[in-house]
Amino acid sequence: MKGVFKSVMWGSAVASLLAAAPVWAELKIGYVNYAQLMEQSPQAKVIADSIRSEFMPRQRELQTQEQTLRTRADKLQKDGATMTDDQRTREEKEVRDGARDLERKKQEAQDDFNARRNEELSRLQKTLIEEVRTYAKGQNFDLVLADGVIYAAQAIDITPAVLNVLQSHAPKGSAAPAGAAPKSSAAPSGAGPKTPQSK
């Protein structure tokens, strides 16, 4: 009895799909690659340039502090043997304290940069969604798919068309090349200078 019931249910499911096939065939379906829009839209380039300019003074300050600290560490390494014990101990402590302070400032700058970037990317994502909706309605699409699609034929990919719309809405001179999404790091890379060990 269970086998008969399963056969009936399976047959009903297949029949339902076959009956719905003409309806699906009449739908106008599109696909959009949101990751591509986030990377290549001129709006993404504007965000990247804006955040980079905003954090550039802070980055330069950190780079200057790092260079100064490295110079002191090199001098200590070179002249440490000729210093008195008190001088060497005091200088080593100042270099260590400076290195810790630099790393703290780097981390703070990175955290602030990430928070600012995420804030702007969230706004950009909302803008892109609205642009896709507007385009889809204007072109009479019944359904637009995005993330999670295993395969989409080029014929239904509306990403290039939406990029063209975004380009037309962007300020002049803000054309974005591929991969123009905001960078993930503002603080100078690399750790601070190594501190000589007391002998």
Protein backbone atom coordinates (compact mmCIF):
# COMPACT_ATOMS: atom_id res chain seq x y z
CA MET A 1 0.00 0.00 0.00
CA LYS A 2 2.83 2.41 0.85
CA GLY A 3 4.47 1.71 -2.51
CA VAL A 4 1.24 2.47 -4.35
CA PHE A 5 0.79 5.68 -2.35
CA LYS A 6 4.34 6.84 -3.17
CA SER A 7 3.80 6.09 -6.85
CA VAL A 8 0.61 8.13 -6.88
CA MET A 9 2.29 11.05 -5.10
CA TRP A 10 5.28 10.97 -7.49
CA GLY A 11 2.97 10.85 -10.47
CA SER A 12 1.02 13.81 -9.15
CA ALA A 13 4.21 15.83 -8.63
CA VAL A 14 5.40 15.13 -12.17
CA ALA A 15 1.99 16.01 -13.56
CA SER A 16 2.02 19.30 -11.65
CA LEU A 17 5.44 20.21 -13.04
CA LEU A 18 4.37 19.36 -16.56
CA ALA A 19 1.21 21.41 -16.18
CA ALA A 20 3.24 24.39 -14.94
CA ALA A 21 5.82 24.16 -17.73
CA PRO A 22 3.96 26.46 -20.15
CA VAL A 23 3.68 29.08 -17.39
CA TRP A 24 7.45 28.99 -16.74
CA ALA A 25 8.11 29.18 -20.44
CA GLU A 26 6.21 32.47 -20.61
CA LEU A 27 8.17 34.09 -17.78
CA LYS A 28 10.88 36.63 -18.62
CA ILE A 29 13.78 35.68 -16.38
CA GLY A 30 17.05 37.53 -15.88
CA TYR A 31 20.21 37.03 -13.87
CA VAL A 32 22.46 39.63 -12.25
CA ASN A 33 25.93 39.17 -10.78
CA TYR A 34 25.94 41.39 -7.69
CA ALA A 35 29.61 40.70 -6.95
CA GLN A 36 30.48 42.05 -10.40
CA LEU A 37 28.34 45.13 -9.83
CA MET A 38 30.02 45.72 -6.46
CA GLU A 39 33.46 45.51 -8.08
CA GLN A 40 32.97 47.23 -11.42
CA SER A 41 30.32 49.89 -10.92
CA PRO A 42 31.56 53.50 -11.05
CA GLN A 43 29.84 54.05 -7.71
CA ALA A 44 32.22 51.48 -6.17
CA LYS A 45 35.20 53.41 -7.53
CA VAL A 46 33.86 56.65 -6.06
CA ILE A 47 33.58 54.95 -2.66
CA ALA A 48 37.09 53.49 -2.92
CA ASP A 49 38.61 56.85 -3.86
CA SER A 50 36.67 58.70 -1.16
CA ILE A 51 37.66 56.35 1.66
CA ARG A 52 41.25 56.20 0.46
CA SER A 53 41.47 60.01 0.50
CA GLU A 54 39.80 60.16 3.90
CA PHE A 55 42.33 57.82 5.51
CA MET A 56 45.42 58.88 3.58
CA PRO A 57 46.59 61.52 6.13
CA ARG A 58 46.30 58.97 8.91
CA GLN A 59 48.21 56.39 6.91
CA ARG A 60 51.00 58.85 6.14
CA GLU A 61 51.24 59.74 9.82
CA LEU A 62 51.64 56.07 10.70
CA GLN A 63 54.25 55.60 8.02
CA THR A 64 56.22 58.57 9.34
CA GLN A 65 56.02 57.27 12.90
CA GLU A 66 57.12 53.82 11.74
CA GLN A 67 60.11 55.21 9.86
CA THR A 68 61.17 57.34 12.83
CA LEU A 69 60.94 54.35 15.13
CA ARG A 70 62.90 52.16 12.73
CA THR A 71 65.65 54.80 12.55
CA ARG A 72 65.89 54.89 16.35
CA ALA A 73 66.01 51.10 16.53
CA ASP A 74 68.77 50.95 13.92
CA LYS A 75 70.76 53.61 15.75
CA LEU A 76 70.36 51.73 19.01
CA GLN A 77 71.54 48.54 17.36
CA LYS A 78 74.58 50.34 15.96
CA ASP A 79 75.55 52.51 18.94
CA GLY A 80 74.28 50.38 21.80
CA ALA A 81 77.71 49.02 22.61
CA THR A 82 79.08 52.52 23.26
CA MET A 83 76.17 53.62 25.47
CA THR A 84 76.10 53.37 29.22
CA ASP A 85 73.84 50.71 30.67
CA ASP A 86 71.31 53.34 31.77
CA GLN A 87 71.27 55.01 28.34
CA ARG A 88 70.85 51.72 26.53
CA THR A 89 68.12 50.52 28.89
CA ARG A 90 66.21 53.80 28.59
CA GLU A 91 66.48 53.84 24.80
CA GLU A 92 65.40 50.21 24.49
CA LYS A 93 62.33 50.91 26.64
CA GLU A 94 61.39 53.95 24.55
CA VAL A 95 61.72 51.97 21.33
CA ARG A 96 59.62 49.11 22.75
CA ASP A 97 56.96 51.52 24.00
CA GLY A 98 56.96 53.28 20.64
CA ALA A 99 56.54 49.98 18.79
CA ARG A 100 53.57 49.02 20.98
CA ASP A 101 52.00 52.44 20.48
CA LEU A 102 52.47 52.15 16.72
CA GLU A 103 50.84 48.73 16.57
CA ARG A 104 47.91 50.00 18.63
CA LYS A 105 47.42 52.95 16.28
CA LYS A 106 47.67 50.66 13.25
CA GLN A 107 44.97 48.39 14.64
CA GLU A 108 42.73 51.35 15.47
CA ALA A 109 43.20 52.73 11.95
CA GLN A 110 42.40 49.34 10.43
CA ASP A 111 39.26 48.96 12.57
CA ASP A 112 38.06 52.46 11.70
CA PHE A 113 38.76 51.86 8.02
CA ASN A 114 36.85 48.57 7.99
CA ALA A 115 33.86 50.10 9.76
CA ARG A 116 33.78 53.02 7.34
CA ARG A 117 34.14 50.75 4.32
CA ASN A 118 31.37 48.41 5.51
CA GLU A 119 29.08 51.39 6.06
CA GLU A 120 29.62 52.65 2.52
CA LEU A 121 29.35 49.17 0.97
CA SER A 122 26.03 48.65 2.73
CA ARG A 123 24.73 51.85 1.15
CA LEU A 124 26.10 50.80 -2.23
CA GLN A 125 24.40 47.44 -1.99
CA LYS A 126 21.03 49.11 -1.38
CA THR A 127 21.64 51.40 -4.36
CA LEU A 128 22.47 48.46 -6.61
CA ILE A 129 19.39 46.52 -5.54
CA GLU A 130 17.19 49.52 -6.32
CA GLU A 131 18.86 49.98 -9.72
CA VAL A 132 18.31 46.32 -10.59
CA ARG A 133 14.66 46.52 -9.55
CA THR A 134 14.12 49.66 -11.60
CA TYR A 135 15.79 48.12 -14.64
CA ALA A 136 13.86 44.86 -14.28
CA LYS A 137 10.52 46.66 -14.05
CA GLY A 138 11.36 48.87 -17.00
CA GLN A 139 12.28 45.85 -19.12
CA ASN A 140 9.23 43.85 -17.96
CA PHE A 141 11.15 41.06 -16.26
CA ASP A 142 9.05 38.67 -14.18
CA LEU A 143 11.97 37.31 -12.18
CA VAL A 144 15.60 38.30 -11.63
CA LEU A 145 17.94 35.80 -9.98
CA ALA A 146 21.18 36.65 -8.20
CA ASP A 147 23.40 34.79 -5.72
CA GLY A 148 23.19 31.03 -5.49
CA VAL A 149 22.59 30.40 -9.20
CA ILE A 150 24.65 27.46 -10.49
CA TYR A 151 24.38 28.43 -14.14
CA ALA A 152 22.93 31.33 -16.11
CA ALA A 153 23.04 31.64 -19.89
CA GLN A 154 24.61 34.81 -21.22
CA ALA A 155 21.33 35.65 -22.93
CA ILE A 156 19.61 36.25 -19.58
CA ASP A 157 22.56 37.96 -17.85
CA ILE A 158 21.51 41.58 -17.33
CA THR A 159 24.68 42.54 -15.41
CA PRO A 160 26.28 44.42 -18.34
CA ALA A 161 23.05 46.32 -18.97
CA VAL A 162 22.77 47.32 -15.31
CA LEU A 163 26.42 48.41 -15.32
CA ASN A 164 25.64 50.66 -18.28
CA VAL A 165 22.76 52.19 -16.33
CA LEU A 166 25.00 52.73 -13.31
CA GLN A 167 27.60 54.34 -15.57
CA SER A 168 25.01 56.74 -16.94
CA HIS A 169 24.06 57.76 -13.40
CA ALA A 170 27.65 58.27 -12.25
CA PRO A 171 29.46 61.63 -12.18
CA LYS A 172 31.64 62.29 -15.20
CA GLY A 173 35.17 60.95 -14.93
CA SER A 174 34.25 58.19 -12.47
CA ALA A 175 34.37 55.24 -14.85
CA ALA A 176 35.50 52.19 -12.92
CA PRO A 177 37.83 49.51 -14.25
CA ALA A 178 37.37 45.90 -13.21
CA GLY A 179 38.26 45.20 -9.61
CA ALA A 180 37.75 48.77 -8.43
CA ALA A 181 36.12 47.84 -5.17
CA PRO A 182 37.39 49.55 -2.03
CA LYS A 183 40.61 48.05 -0.69
CA SER A 184 40.53 46.18 2.57
CA SER A 185 43.48 47.83 4.28
CA ALA A 186 44.41 51.40 5.12
CA ALA A 187 47.11 50.95 7.73
CA PRO A 188 50.73 50.41 6.62
CA SER A 189 51.56 46.75 6.25
CA GLY A 190 54.15 45.01 8.33
CA ALA A 191 54.97 45.08 11.99
CA GLY A 192 56.95 47.78 13.72
CA PRO A 193 60.73 47.71 14.02
CA LYS A 194 62.32 44.99 16.09
CA THR A 195 63.53 46.09 19.47
CA PRO A 196 67.07 45.07 20.48
CA GLN A 197 67.21 42.84 23.52
CA SER A 198 69.02 44.00 26.65
CA LYS A 199 72.31 42.29 27.24
